[in-house]
Amino acid sequence: MKRSIPRISDAEWEVMKVLWNGSPKTASEIIGELEGSRDWNPKTVRTLIKRLTEKEAVGYTQEGRVYSYYPKVQEEECVKSETTSFMQRVYGGTLRPMLAHFLKDEQLTKEDIEELRKILDERKD
């Protein structure tokens, strides 16, 4: 049976990005990496790590009093799950209205358009 991907809050995503970027990491290392981008108290980061372990999105190993954290879910799995959830909530699970809205409202470069064409051509075959 395939396990479900846990729902991850916006703040928890920031912690997950640090772990996906390289792990295992201690809480202090995670706090250090988030220090420059977030104005969070270290206790806040520790709370986010605790939540992620409770959701089973993050695992840990313990050596003495040192805990090292690592992701138990892959970034790609989480992105796919979030995309599906967003499409269900906002567009009723249908891709076409989302793409139409995106293409109409976003400023796309020539490179963006070519990349989209390439993806669509690959899907056609």
PDB file of N, CA and C in Angstrom:
ATOM      1  N   MET A   1       0.830  -1.187   0.000  1.00  0.00           N
ATOM      2  CA  MET A   1       0.000   0.000   0.000  1.00  0.00           C
ATOM      3  C   MET A   1       0.876   1.253   0.000  1.00  0.00           C
ATOM      4  N   LYS A   2       0.538   2.196  -0.868  1.00  0.00           N
ATOM      5  CA  LYS A   2       1.312   3.431  -0.970  1.00  0.00           C
ATOM      6  C   LYS A   2       0.969   4.347   0.205  1.00  0.00           C
ATOM      7  N   ARG A   3       2.004   4.866   0.862  1.00  0.00           N
ATOM      8  CA  ARG A   3       1.741   5.763   1.996  1.00  0.00           C
ATOM      9  C   ARG A   3       1.386   7.149   1.488  1.00  0.00           C
ATOM     10  N   SER A   4       0.588   7.836   2.275  1.00  0.00           N
ATOM     11  CA  SER A   4       0.176   9.176   1.853  1.00  0.00           C
ATOM     12  C   SER A   4       1.243  10.200   2.214  1.00  0.00           C
ATOM     13  N   ILE A   5       1.264  11.238   1.431  1.00  0.00           N
ATOM     14  CA  ILE A   5       2.218  12.331   1.655  1.00  0.00           C
ATOM     15  C   ILE A   5       1.585  13.280   2.670  1.00  0.00           C
ATOM     16  N   PRO A   6       2.308  13.626   3.742  1.00  0.00           N
ATOM     17  CA  PRO A   6       1.732  14.518   4.750  1.00  0.00           C
ATOM     18  C   PRO A   6       1.532  15.935   4.215  1.00  0.00           C
ATOM     19  N   ARG A   7       0.516  16.619   4.714  1.00  0.00           N
ATOM     20  CA  ARG A   7       0.300  18.024   4.373  1.00  0.00           C
ATOM     21  C   ARG A   7       1.340  18.838   5.124  1.00  0.00           C
ATOM     22  N   ILE A   8       2.060  19.652   4.389  1.00  0.00           N
ATOM     23  CA  ILE A   8       3.158  20.440   4.960  1.00  0.00           C
ATOM     24  C   ILE A   8       2.810  21.919   4.836  1.00  0.00           C
ATOM     25  N   SER A   9       2.878  22.641   5.959  1.00  0.00           N
ATOM     26  CA  SER A   9       2.567  24.075   5.957  1.00  0.00           C
ATOM     27  C   SER A   9       3.665  24.851   5.234  1.00  0.00           C
ATOM     28  N   ASP A  10       3.381  26.115   4.926  1.00  0.00           N
ATOM     29  CA  ASP A  10       4.374  26.959   4.260  1.00  0.00           C
ATOM     30  C   ASP A  10       5.665  27.061   5.071  1.00  0.00           C
ATOM     31  N   ALA A  11       5.534  27.240   6.375  1.00  0.00           N
ATOM     32  CA  ALA A  11       6.722  27.345   7.232  1.00  0.00           C
ATOM     33  C   ALA A  11       7.485  26.026   7.256  1.00  0.00           C
ATOM     34  N   GLU A  12       6.770  24.917   7.315  1.00  0.00           N
ATOM     35  CA  GLU A  12       7.422  23.610   7.330  1.00  0.00           C
ATOM     36  C   GLU A  12       8.156  23.340   6.017  1.00  0.00           C
ATOM     37  N   TRP A  13       7.632  23.887   4.909  1.00  0.00           N
ATOM     38  CA  TRP A  13       8.314  23.740   3.612  1.00  0.00           C
ATOM     39  C   TRP A  13       9.725  24.309   3.690  1.00  0.00           C
ATOM     40  N   GLU A  14       9.893  25.419   4.410  1.00  0.00           N
ATOM     41  CA  GLU A  14      11.214  26.037   4.524  1.00  0.00           C
ATOM     42  C   GLU A  14      12.211  25.088   5.189  1.00  0.00           C
ATOM     43  N   VAL A  15      11.766  24.395   6.222  1.00  0.00           N
ATOM     44  CA  VAL A  15      12.626  23.416   6.902  1.00  0.00           C
ATOM     45  C   VAL A  15      12.916  22.248   5.960  1.00  0.00           C
ATOM     46  N   MET A  16      11.883  21.781   5.255  1.00  0.00           N
ATOM     47  CA  MET A  16      12.064  20.658   4.338  1.00  0.00           C
ATOM     48  C   MET A  16      13.067  21.007   3.238  1.00  0.00           C
ATOM     49  N   LYS A  17      13.012  22.245   2.724  1.00  0.00           N
ATOM     50  CA  LYS A  17      13.953  22.657   1.677  1.00  0.00           C
ATOM     51  C   LYS A  17      15.392  22.541   2.166  1.00  0.00           C
ATOM     52  N   VAL A  18      15.615  22.921   3.420  1.00  0.00           N
ATOM     53  CA  VAL A  18      16.967  22.818   3.994  1.00  0.00           C
ATOM     54  C   VAL A  18      17.397  21.353   4.023  1.00  0.00           C
ATOM     55  N   LEU A  19      16.500  20.475   4.444  1.00  0.00           N
ATOM     56  CA  LEU A  19      16.841  19.051   4.534  1.00  0.00           C
ATOM     57  C   LEU A  19      16.974  18.412   3.158  1.00  0.00           C
ATOM     58  N   TRP A  20      16.130  18.813   2.202  1.00  0.00           N
ATOM     59  CA  TRP A  20      16.256  18.277   0.845  1.00  0.00           C
ATOM     60  C   TRP A  20      17.555  18.728   0.198  1.00  0.00           C
ATOM     61  N   ASN A  21      18.042  19.870   0.624  1.00  0.00           N
ATOM     62  CA  ASN A  21      19.282  20.409   0.064  1.00  0.00           C
ATOM     63  C   ASN A  21      20.513  19.643   0.548  1.00  0.00           C
ATOM     64  N   GLY A  22      20.364  18.891   1.595  1.00  0.00           N
ATOM     65  CA  GLY A  22      21.465  18.094   2.134  1.00  0.00           C
ATOM     66  C   GLY A  22      21.163  17.667   3.551  1.00  0.00           C
ATOM     67  N   SER A  23      21.307  16.413   3.827  1.00  0.00           N
ATOM     68  CA  SER A  23      21.021  15.914   5.164  1.00  0.00           C
ATOM     69  C   SER A  23      21.845  14.653   5.401  1.00  0.00           C
ATOM     70  N   PRO A  24      21.972  14.234   6.617  1.00  0.00           N
ATOM     71  CA  PRO A  24      21.268  14.707   7.805  1.00  0.00           C
ATOM     72  C   PRO A  24      21.851  16.013   8.340  1.00  0.00           C
ATOM     73  N   LYS A  25      21.010  16.704   9.096  1.00  0.00           N
ATOM     74  CA  LYS A  25      21.416  17.962   9.726  1.00  0.00           C
ATOM     75  C   LYS A  25      20.857  18.009  11.149  1.00  0.00           C
ATOM     76  N   THR A  26      21.619  18.619  12.023  1.00  0.00           N
ATOM     77  CA  THR A  26      21.141  18.829  13.390  1.00  0.00           C
ATOM     78  C   THR A  26      20.183  20.019  13.402  1.00  0.00           C
ATOM     79  N   ALA A  27      19.427  20.170  14.478  1.00  0.00           N
ATOM     80  CA  ALA A  27      18.531  21.320  14.609  1.00  0.00           C
ATOM     81  C   ALA A  27      19.325  22.621  14.527  1.00  0.00           C
ATOM     82  N   SER A  28      20.495  22.652  15.127  1.00  0.00           N
ATOM     83  CA  SER A  28      21.324  23.865  15.090  1.00  0.00           C
ATOM     84  C   SER A  28      21.748  24.204  13.664  1.00  0.00           C
ATOM     85  N   GLU A  29      22.066  23.191  12.876  1.00  0.00           N
ATOM     86  CA  GLU A  29      22.445  23.427  11.485  1.00  0.00           C
ATOM     87  C   GLU A  29      21.257  23.952  10.673  1.00  0.00           C
ATOM     88  N   ILE A  30      20.080  23.384  10.923  1.00  0.00           N
ATOM     89  CA  ILE A  30      18.878  23.849  10.229  1.00  0.00           C
ATOM     90  C   ILE A  30      18.594  25.298  10.605  1.00  0.00           C
ATOM     91  N   ILE A  31      18.674  25.598  11.894  1.00  0.00           N
ATOM     92  CA  ILE A  31      18.459  26.966  12.387  1.00  0.00           C
ATOM     93  C   ILE A  31      19.458  27.916  11.721  1.00  0.00           C
ATOM     94  N   GLY A  32      20.716  27.502  11.645  1.00  0.00           N
ATOM     95  CA  GLY A  32      21.757  28.324  11.034  1.00  0.00           C
ATOM     96  C   GLY A  32      21.480  28.625   9.571  1.00  0.00           C
ATOM     97  N   GLU A  33      20.985  27.626   8.837  1.00  0.00           N
ATOM     98  CA  GLU A  33      20.695  27.839   7.416  1.00  0.00           C
ATOM     99  C   GLU A  33      19.485  28.738   7.197  1.00  0.00           C
ATOM    100  N   LEU A  34      18.540  28.705   8.127  1.00  0.00           N
ATOM    101  CA  LEU A  34      17.341  29.538   7.983  1.00  0.00           C
ATOM    102  C   LEU A  34      17.554  30.949   8.524  1.00  0.00           C
ATOM    103  N   GLU A  35      18.620  31.138   9.271  1.00  0.00           N
ATOM    104  CA  GLU A  35      18.894  32.420   9.921  1.00  0.00           C
ATOM    105  C   GLU A  35      18.929  33.592   8.941  1.00  0.00           C
ATOM    106  N   GLY A  36      19.558  33.415   7.810  1.00  0.00           N
ATOM    107  CA  GLY A  36      19.686  34.509   6.854  1.00  0.00           C
ATOM    108  C   GLY A  36      18.400  34.825   6.104  1.00  0.00           C
ATOM    109  N   SER A  37      17.537  33.834   5.928  1.00  0.00           N
ATOM    110  CA  SER A  37      16.336  34.040   5.121  1.00  0.00           C
ATOM    111  C   SER A  37      15.075  34.244   5.947  1.00  0.00           C
ATOM    112  N   ARG A  38      15.075  33.807   7.164  1.00  0.00           N
ATOM    113  CA  ARG A  38      13.896  33.905   8.025  1.00  0.00           C
ATOM    114  C   ARG A  38      14.252  34.561   9.347  1.00  0.00           C
ATOM    115  N   ASP A  39      13.336  35.351   9.853  1.00  0.00           N
ATOM    116  CA  ASP A  39      13.526  35.994  11.150  1.00  0.00           C
ATOM    117  C   ASP A  39      12.794  35.171  12.215  1.00  0.00           C
ATOM    118  N   TRP A  40      13.179  33.902  12.319  1.00  0.00           N
ATOM    119  CA  TRP A  40      12.526  32.999  13.251  1.00  0.00           C
ATOM    120  C   TRP A  40      13.393  32.777  14.474  1.00  0.00           C
ATOM    121  N   ASN A  41      12.734  32.661  15.592  1.00  0.00           N
ATOM    122  CA  ASN A  41      13.349  32.281  16.847  1.00  0.00           C
ATOM    123  C   ASN A  41      13.779  30.809  16.719  1.00  0.00           C
ATOM    124  N   PRO A  42      14.920  30.421  17.271  1.00  0.00           N
ATOM    125  CA  PRO A  42      15.324  29.007  17.209  1.00  0.00           C
ATOM    126  C   PRO A  42      14.249  28.053  17.736  1.00  0.00           C
ATOM    127  N   LYS A  43      13.501  28.486  18.744  1.00  0.00           N
ATOM    128  CA  LYS A  43      12.430  27.639  19.292  1.00  0.00           C
ATOM    129  C   LYS A  43      11.354  27.376  18.234  1.00  0.00           C
ATOM    130  N   THR A  44      11.082  28.361  17.382  1.00  0.00           N
ATOM    131  CA  THR A  44      10.109  28.198  16.303  1.00  0.00           C
ATOM    132  C   THR A  44      10.565  27.104  15.344  1.00  0.00           C
ATOM    133  N   VAL A  45      11.835  27.138  14.983  1.00  0.00           N
ATOM    134  CA  VAL A  45      12.382  26.136  14.055  1.00  0.00           C
ATOM    135  C   VAL A  45      12.306  24.751  14.692  1.00  0.00           C
ATOM    136  N   ARG A  46      12.637  24.659  15.967  1.00  0.00           N
ATOM    137  CA  ARG A  46      12.566  23.368  16.660  1.00  0.00           C
ATOM    138  C   ARG A  46      11.122  22.846  16.696  1.00  0.00           C
ATOM    139  N   THR A  47      10.166  23.738  16.862  1.00  0.00           N
ATOM    140  CA  THR A  47       8.750  23.350  16.839  1.00  0.00           C
ATOM    141  C   THR A  47       8.371  22.822  15.455  1.00  0.00           C
ATOM    142  N   LEU A  48       8.839  23.492  14.405  1.00  0.00           N
ATOM    143  CA  LEU A  48       8.554  23.030  13.044  1.00  0.00           C
ATOM    144  C   LEU A  48       9.165  21.646  12.801  1.00  0.00           C
ATOM    145  N   ILE A  49      10.379  21.420  13.285  1.00  0.00           N
ATOM    146  CA  ILE A  49      11.030  20.116  13.138  1.00  0.00           C
ATOM    147  C   ILE A  49      10.208  19.051  13.876  1.00  0.00           C
ATOM    148  N   LYS A  50       9.753  19.387  15.068  1.00  0.00           N
ATOM    149  CA  LYS A  50       8.943  18.446  15.860  1.00  0.00           C
ATOM    150  C   LYS A  50       7.662  18.086  15.118  1.00  0.00           C
ATOM    151  N   ARG A  51       6.994  19.091  14.554  1.00  0.00           N
ATOM    152  CA  ARG A  51       5.764  18.836  13.793  1.00  0.00           C
ATOM    153  C   ARG A  51       6.036  17.919  12.609  1.00  0.00           C
ATOM    154  N   LEU A  52       7.131  18.183  11.907  1.00  0.00           N
ATOM    155  CA  LEU A  52       7.466  17.375  10.733  1.00  0.00           C
ATOM    156  C   LEU A  52       7.797  15.930  11.107  1.00  0.00           C
ATOM    157  N   THR A  53       8.410  15.728  12.274  1.00  0.00           N
ATOM    158  CA  THR A  53       8.677  14.350  12.704  1.00  0.00           C
ATOM    159  C   THR A  53       7.368  13.666  13.098  1.00  0.00           C
ATOM    160  N   GLU A  54       6.452  14.406  13.724  1.00  0.00           N
ATOM    161  CA  GLU A  54       5.146  13.843  14.082  1.00  0.00           C
ATOM    162  C   GLU A  54       4.329  13.473  12.840  1.00  0.00           C
ATOM    163  N   LYS A  55       4.486  14.242  11.781  1.00  0.00           N
ATOM    164  CA  LYS A  55       3.794  13.968  10.519  1.00  0.00           C
ATOM    165  C   LYS A  55       4.494  12.877   9.715  1.00  0.00           C
ATOM    166  N   GLU A  56       5.659  12.442  10.205  1.00  0.00           N
ATOM    167  CA  GLU A  56       6.493  11.446   9.549  1.00  0.00           C
ATOM    168  C   GLU A  56       7.029  11.924   8.200  1.00  0.00           C
ATOM    169  N   ALA A  57       7.200  13.232   8.071  1.00  0.00           N
ATOM    170  CA  ALA A  57       7.851  13.800   6.893  1.00  0.00           C
ATOM    171  C   ALA A  57       9.360  13.847   7.116  1.00  0.00           C
ATOM    172  N   VAL A  58       9.753  13.857   8.383  1.00  0.00           N
ATOM    173  CA  VAL A  58      11.159  13.918   8.775  1.00  0.00           C
ATOM    174  C   VAL A  58      11.438  12.801   9.768  1.00  0.00           C
ATOM    175  N   GLY A  59      12.588  12.169   9.584  1.00  0.00           N
ATOM    176  CA  GLY A  59      13.047  11.172  10.533  1.00  0.00           C
ATOM    177  C   GLY A  59      14.301  11.681  11.219  1.00  0.00           C
ATOM    178  N   TYR A  60      14.783  10.919  12.194  1.00  0.00           N
ATOM    179  CA  TYR A  60      16.005  11.341  12.884  1.00  0.00           C
ATOM    180  C   TYR A  60      16.769  10.134  13.392  1.00  0.00           C
ATOM    181  N   THR A  61      18.056  10.378  13.590  1.00  0.00           N
ATOM    182  CA  THR A  61      18.912   9.418  14.280  1.00  0.00           C
ATOM    183  C   THR A  61      19.448  10.138  15.506  1.00  0.00           C
ATOM    184  N   GLN A  62      19.747   9.366  16.528  1.00  0.00           N
ATOM    185  CA  GLN A  62      20.233   9.960  17.771  1.00  0.00           C
ATOM    186  C   GLN A  62      21.553   9.324  18.152  1.00  0.00           C
ATOM    187  N   GLU A  63      22.544  10.186  18.414  1.00  0.00           N
ATOM    188  CA  GLU A  63      23.827   9.753  18.942  1.00  0.00           C
ATOM    189  C   GLU A  63      24.079  10.549  20.204  1.00  0.00           C
ATOM    190  N   GLY A  64      23.916   9.902  21.338  1.00  0.00           N
ATOM    191  CA  GLY A  64      24.018  10.617  22.606  1.00  0.00           C
ATOM    192  C   GLY A  64      22.875  11.611  22.704  1.00  0.00           C
ATOM    193  N   ARG A  65      23.240  12.877  22.880  1.00  0.00           N
ATOM    194  CA  ARG A  65      22.207  13.920  22.981  1.00  0.00           C
ATOM    195  C   ARG A  65      22.000  14.660  21.662  1.00  0.00           C
ATOM    196  N   VAL A  66      22.672  14.202  20.600  1.00  0.00           N
ATOM    197  CA  VAL A  66      22.598  14.883  19.308  1.00  0.00           C
ATOM    198  C   VAL A  66      21.620  14.148  18.388  1.00  0.00           C
ATOM    199  N   TYR A  67      20.639  14.901  17.884  1.00  0.00           N
ATOM    200  CA  TYR A  67      19.678  14.372  16.925  1.00  0.00           C
ATOM    201  C   TYR A  67      20.031  14.913  15.542  1.00  0.00           C
ATOM    202  N   SER A  68      20.057  14.023  14.578  1.00  0.00           N
ATOM    203  CA  SER A  68      20.303  14.419  13.191  1.00  0.00           C
ATOM    204  C   SER A  68      19.044  14.098  12.392  1.00  0.00           C
ATOM    205  N   TYR A  69      18.555  15.090  11.660  1.00  0.00           N
ATOM    206  CA  TYR A  69      17.277  14.975  10.953  1.00  0.00           C
ATOM    207  C   TYR A  69      17.489  14.777   9.461  1.00  0.00           C
ATOM    208  N   TYR A  70      16.576  14.023   8.840  1.00  0.00           N
ATOM    209  CA  TYR A  70      16.620  13.763   7.411  1.00  0.00           C
ATOM    210  C   TYR A  70      15.183  13.657   6.883  1.00  0.00           C
ATOM    211  N   PRO A  71      14.978  13.961   5.608  1.00  0.00           N
ATOM    212  CA  PRO A  71      13.627  13.872   5.047  1.00  0.00           C
ATOM    213  C   PRO A  71      13.232  12.418   4.822  1.00  0.00           C
ATOM    214  N   LYS A  72      11.984  12.097   5.147  1.00  0.00           N
ATOM    215  CA  LYS A  72      11.457  10.760   4.884  1.00  0.00           C
ATOM    216  C   LYS A  72      10.591  10.761   3.622  1.00  0.00           C
ATOM    217  N   VAL A  73      10.335  11.935   3.085  1.00  0.00           N
ATOM    218  CA  VAL A  73       9.570  12.071   1.845  1.00  0.00           C
ATOM    219  C   VAL A  73      10.430  12.836   0.847  1.00  0.00           C
ATOM    220  N   GLN A  74      10.278  12.480  -0.413  1.00  0.00           N
ATOM    221  CA  GLN A  74      11.060  13.142  -1.449  1.00  0.00           C
ATOM    222  C   GLN A  74      10.390  14.451  -1.849  1.00  0.00           C
ATOM    223  N   GLU A  75      11.217  15.402  -2.230  1.00  0.00           N
ATOM    224  CA  GLU A  75      10.710  16.709  -2.649  1.00  0.00           C
ATOM    225  C   GLU A  75       9.722  16.562  -3.805  1.00  0.00           C
ATOM    226  N   GLU A  76      10.067  15.751  -4.772  1.00  0.00           N
ATOM    227  CA  GLU A  76       9.203  15.562  -5.947  1.00  0.00           C
ATOM    228  C   GLU A  76       7.817  15.029  -5.553  1.00  0.00           C
ATOM    229  N   GLU A  77       7.778  14.101  -4.590  1.00  0.00           N
ATOM    230  CA  GLU A  77       6.497  13.565  -4.109  1.00  0.00           C
ATOM    231  C   GLU A  77       5.650  14.669  -3.481  1.00  0.00           C
ATOM    232  N   CYS A  78       6.285  15.506  -2.678  1.00  0.00           N
ATOM    233  CA  CYS A  78       5.564  16.586  -1.997  1.00  0.00           C
ATOM    234  C   CYS A  78       5.066  17.636  -2.980  1.00  0.00           C
ATOM    235  N   VAL A  79       5.892  17.978  -3.960  1.00  0.00           N
ATOM    236  CA  VAL A  79       5.488  18.951  -4.969  1.00  0.00           C
ATOM    237  C   VAL A  79       4.284  18.422  -5.743  1.00  0.00           C
ATOM    238  N   LYS A  80       4.345  17.159  -6.127  1.00  0.00           N
ATOM    239  CA  LYS A  80       3.234  16.549  -6.870  1.00  0.00           C
ATOM    240  C   LYS A  80       1.955  16.540  -6.034  1.00  0.00           C
ATOM    241  N   SER A  81       2.078  16.178  -4.770  1.00  0.00           N
ATOM    242  CA  SER A  81       0.922  16.153  -3.871  1.00  0.00           C
ATOM    243  C   SER A  81       0.318  17.543  -3.692  1.00  0.00           C
ATOM    244  N   GLU A  82       1.167  18.544  -3.500  1.00  0.00           N
ATOM    245  CA  GLU A  82       0.691  19.920  -3.332  1.00  0.00           C
ATOM    246  C   GLU A  82       0.031  20.444  -4.603  1.00  0.00           C
ATOM    247  N   THR A  83       0.608  20.093  -5.755  1.00  0.00           N
ATOM    248  CA  THR A  83       0.052  20.529  -7.035  1.00  0.00           C
ATOM    249  C   THR A  83      -1.341  19.934  -7.230  1.00  0.00           C
ATOM    250  N   THR A  84      -1.467  18.653  -6.942  1.00  0.00           N
ATOM    251  CA  THR A  84      -2.761  17.982  -7.072  1.00  0.00           C
ATOM    252  C   THR A  84      -3.780  18.596  -6.126  1.00  0.00           C
ATOM    253  N   SER A  85      -3.370  18.840  -4.887  1.00  0.00           N
ATOM    254  CA  SER A  85      -4.264  19.441  -3.897  1.00  0.00           C
ATOM    255  C   SER A  85      -4.716  20.831  -4.339  1.00  0.00           C
ATOM    256  N   PHE A  86      -3.784  21.634  -4.838  1.00  0.00           N
ATOM    257  CA  PHE A  86      -4.101  22.980  -5.320  1.00  0.00           C
ATOM    258  C   PHE A  86      -5.082  22.916  -6.481  1.00  0.00           C
ATOM    259  N   MET A  87      -4.811  22.028  -7.444  1.00  0.00           N
ATOM    260  CA  MET A  87      -5.700  21.904  -8.605  1.00  0.00           C
ATOM    261  C   MET A  87      -7.106  21.493  -8.183  1.00  0.00           C
ATOM    262  N   GLN A  88      -7.202  20.605  -7.199  1.00  0.00           N
ATOM    263  CA  GLN A  88      -8.524  20.179  -6.712  1.00  0.00           C
ATOM    264  C   GLN A  88      -9.266  21.346  -6.063  1.00  0.00           C
ATOM    265  N   ARG A  89      -8.571  22.055  -5.187  1.00  0.00           N
ATOM    266  CA  ARG A  89      -9.210  23.146  -4.438  1.00  0.00           C
ATOM    267  C   ARG A  89      -9.612  24.307  -5.329  1.00  0.00           C
ATOM    268  N   VAL A  90      -8.724  24.714  -6.225  1.00  0.00           N
ATOM    269  CA  VAL A  90      -8.926  25.945  -6.982  1.00  0.00           C
ATOM    270  C   VAL A  90      -9.597  25.712  -8.335  1.00  0.00           C
ATOM    271  N   TYR A  91      -9.235  24.627  -9.003  1.00  0.00           N
ATOM    272  CA  TYR A  91      -9.717  24.404 -10.374  1.00  0.00           C
ATOM    273  C   TYR A  91     -10.554  23.134 -10.527  1.00  0.00           C
ATOM    274  N   GLY A  92     -11.010  22.566  -9.429  1.00  0.00           N
ATOM    275  CA  GLY A  92     -11.841  21.375  -9.502  1.00  0.00           C
ATOM    276  C   GLY A  92     -11.126  20.174 -10.094  1.00  0.00           C
ATOM    277  N   GLY A  93      -9.817  20.158 -10.013  1.00  0.00           N
ATOM    278  CA  GLY A  93      -9.027  19.036 -10.499  1.00  0.00           C
ATOM    279  C   GLY A  93      -8.757  19.049 -11.991  1.00  0.00           C
ATOM    280  N   THR A  94      -9.172  20.104 -12.686  1.00  0.00           N
ATOM    281  CA  THR A  94      -9.001  20.182 -14.134  1.00  0.00           C
ATOM    282  C   THR A  94      -7.800  21.050 -14.478  1.00  0.00           C
ATOM    283  N   LEU A  95      -6.946  20.521 -15.339  1.00  0.00           N
ATOM    284  CA  LEU A  95      -5.704  21.206 -15.681  1.00  0.00           C
ATOM    285  C   LEU A  95      -5.905  22.367 -16.653  1.00  0.00           C
ATOM    286  N   ARG A  96      -6.786  22.211 -17.622  1.00  0.00           N
ATOM    287  CA  ARG A  96      -6.932  23.205 -18.688  1.00  0.00           C
ATOM    288  C   ARG A  96      -7.213  24.620 -18.164  1.00  0.00           C
ATOM    289  N   PRO A  97      -8.178  24.828 -17.242  1.00  0.00           N
ATOM    290  CA  PRO A  97      -8.407  26.198 -16.759  1.00  0.00           C
ATOM    291  C   PRO A  97      -7.189  26.791 -16.044  1.00  0.00           C
ATOM    292  N   MET A  98      -6.461  25.944 -15.326  1.00  0.00           N
ATOM    293  CA  MET A  98      -5.280  26.438 -14.631  1.00  0.00           C
ATOM    294  C   MET A  98      -4.227  26.899 -15.640  1.00  0.00           C
ATOM    295  N   LEU A  99      -3.979  26.091 -16.655  1.00  0.00           N
ATOM    296  CA  LEU A  99      -2.993  26.468 -17.666  1.00  0.00           C
ATOM    297  C   LEU A  99      -3.425  27.720 -18.428  1.00  0.00           C
ATOM    298  N   ALA A 100      -4.700  27.793 -18.781  1.00  0.00           N
ATOM    299  CA  ALA A 100      -5.202  28.966 -19.504  1.00  0.00           C
ATOM    300  C   ALA A 100      -5.010  30.220 -18.660  1.00  0.00           C
ATOM    301  N   HIS A 101      -5.353  30.141 -17.394  1.00  0.00           N
ATOM    302  CA  HIS A 101      -5.188  31.280 -16.487  1.00  0.00           C
ATOM    303  C   HIS A 101      -3.721  31.675 -16.386  1.00  0.00           C
ATOM    304  N   PHE A 102      -2.858  30.706 -16.202  1.00  0.00           N
ATOM    305  CA  PHE A 102      -1.429  30.952 -16.074  1.00  0.00           C
ATOM    306  C   PHE A 102      -0.865  31.596 -17.343  1.00  0.00           C
ATOM    307  N   LEU A 103      -1.193  31.020 -18.486  1.00  0.00           N
ATOM    308  CA  LEU A 103      -0.636  31.516 -19.752  1.00  0.00           C
ATOM    309  C   LEU A 103      -1.145  32.914 -20.088  1.00  0.00           C
ATOM    310  N   LYS A 104      -2.369  33.212 -19.704  1.00  0.00           N
ATOM    311  CA  LYS A 104      -2.951  34.514 -20.000  1.00  0.00           C
ATOM    312  C   LYS A 104      -2.370  35.605 -19.095  1.00  0.00           C
ATOM    313  N   ASP A 105      -2.141  35.284 -17.837  1.00  0.00           N
ATOM    314  CA  ASP A 105      -1.780  36.304 -16.855  1.00  0.00           C
ATOM    315  C   ASP A 105      -0.281  36.449 -16.574  1.00  0.00           C
ATOM    316  N   GLU A 106       0.516  35.485 -16.941  1.00  0.00           N
ATOM    317  CA  GLU A 106       1.946  35.533 -16.627  1.00  0.00           C
ATOM    318  C   GLU A 106       2.745  36.081 -17.800  1.00  0.00           C
ATOM    319  N   GLN A 107       3.827  36.771 -17.492  1.00  0.00           N
ATOM    320  CA  GLN A 107       4.762  37.235 -18.506  1.00  0.00           C
ATOM    321  C   GLN A 107       5.738  36.098 -18.795  1.00  0.00           C
ATOM    322  N   LEU A 108       5.625  35.515 -19.983  1.00  0.00           N
ATOM    323  CA  LEU A 108       6.496  34.409 -20.344  1.00  0.00           C
ATOM    324  C   LEU A 108       7.592  34.883 -21.289  1.00  0.00           C
ATOM    325  N   THR A 109       8.797  34.414 -21.042  1.00  0.00           N
ATOM    326  CA  THR A 109       9.905  34.726 -21.941  1.00  0.00           C
ATOM    327  C   THR A 109       9.859  33.760 -23.131  1.00  0.00           C
ATOM    328  N   LYS A 110      10.642  34.049 -24.139  1.00  0.00           N
ATOM    329  CA  LYS A 110      10.735  33.133 -25.280  1.00  0.00           C
ATOM    330  C   LYS A 110      11.220  31.759 -24.816  1.00  0.00           C
ATOM    331  N   GLU A 111      12.144  31.759 -23.863  1.00  0.00           N
ATOM    332  CA  GLU A 111      12.665  30.497 -23.331  1.00  0.00           C
ATOM    333  C   GLU A 111      11.570  29.707 -22.623  1.00  0.00           C
ATOM    334  N   ASP A 112      10.722  30.412 -21.858  1.00  0.00           N
ATOM    335  CA  ASP A 112       9.601  29.753 -21.180  1.00  0.00           C
ATOM    336  C   ASP A 112       8.670  29.098 -22.194  1.00  0.00           C
ATOM    337  N   ILE A 113       8.347  29.832 -23.244  1.00  0.00           N
ATOM    338  CA  ILE A 113       7.432  29.331 -24.277  1.00  0.00           C
ATOM    339  C   ILE A 113       8.037  28.110 -24.973  1.00  0.00           C
ATOM    340  N   GLU A 114       9.320  28.190 -25.297  1.00  0.00           N
ATOM    341  CA  GLU A 114       9.973  27.059 -25.946  1.00  0.00           C
ATOM    342  C   GLU A 114       9.990  25.822 -25.038  1.00  0.00           C
ATOM    343  N   GLU A 115      10.238  26.041 -23.762  1.00  0.00           N
ATOM    344  CA  GLU A 115      10.244  24.927 -22.813  1.00  0.00           C
ATOM    345  C   GLU A 115       8.853  24.295 -22.720  1.00  0.00           C
ATOM    346  N   LEU A 116       7.818  25.129 -22.672  1.00  0.00           N
ATOM    347  CA  LEU A 116       6.446  24.607 -22.651  1.00  0.00           C
ATOM    348  C   LEU A 116       6.131  23.832 -23.927  1.00  0.00           C
ATOM    349  N   ARG A 117       6.535  24.367 -25.064  1.00  0.00           N
ATOM    350  CA  ARG A 117       6.328  23.661 -26.345  1.00  0.00           C
ATOM    351  C   ARG A 117       7.013  22.295 -26.333  1.00  0.00           C
ATOM    352  N   LYS A 118       8.234  22.288 -25.843  1.00  0.00           N
ATOM    353  CA  LYS A 118       9.003  21.040 -25.795  1.00  0.00           C
ATOM    354  C   LYS A 118       8.291  20.009 -24.929  1.00  0.00           C
ATOM    355  N   ILE A 119       7.817  20.425 -23.768  1.00  0.00           N
ATOM    356  CA  ILE A 119       7.104  19.518 -22.861  1.00  0.00           C
ATOM    357  C   ILE A 119       5.837  18.992 -23.530  1.00  0.00           C
ATOM    358  N   LEU A 120       5.072  19.883 -24.153  1.00  0.00           N
ATOM    359  CA  LEU A 120       3.834  19.475 -24.818  1.00  0.00           C
ATOM    360  C   LEU A 120       4.115  18.538 -25.992  1.00  0.00           C
ATOM    361  N   ASP A 121       5.156  18.821 -26.758  1.00  0.00           N
ATOM    362  CA  ASP A 121       5.514  17.945 -27.884  1.00  0.00           C
ATOM    363  C   ASP A 121       5.910  16.549 -27.376  1.00  0.00           C
ATOM    364  N   GLU A 122       6.636  16.497 -26.272  1.00  0.00           N
ATOM    365  CA  GLU A 122       7.032  15.199 -25.699  1.00  0.00           C
ATOM    366  C   GLU A 122       5.802  14.422 -25.235  1.00  0.00           C
ATOM    367  N   ARG A 123       4.842  15.122 -24.657  1.00  0.00           N
ATOM    368  CA  ARG A 123       3.612  14.484 -24.178  1.00  0.00           C
ATOM    369  C   ARG A 123       2.766  13.960 -25.329  1.00  0.00           C
ATOM    370  N   LYS A 124       2.834  14.631 -26.482  1.00  0.00           N
ATOM    371  CA  LYS A 124       2.057  14.254 -27.654  1.00  0.00           C
ATOM    372  C   LYS A 124       2.510  12.894 -28.187  1.00  0.00           C
ATOM    373  N   ASP A 125       3.811  12.639 -28.106  1.00  0.00           N
ATOM    374  CA  ASP A 125       4.375  11.400 -28.672  1.00  0.00           C
ATOM    375  C   ASP A 125       4.160  10.199 -27.827  1.00  0.00           C
TER     376      ASP A 125
END
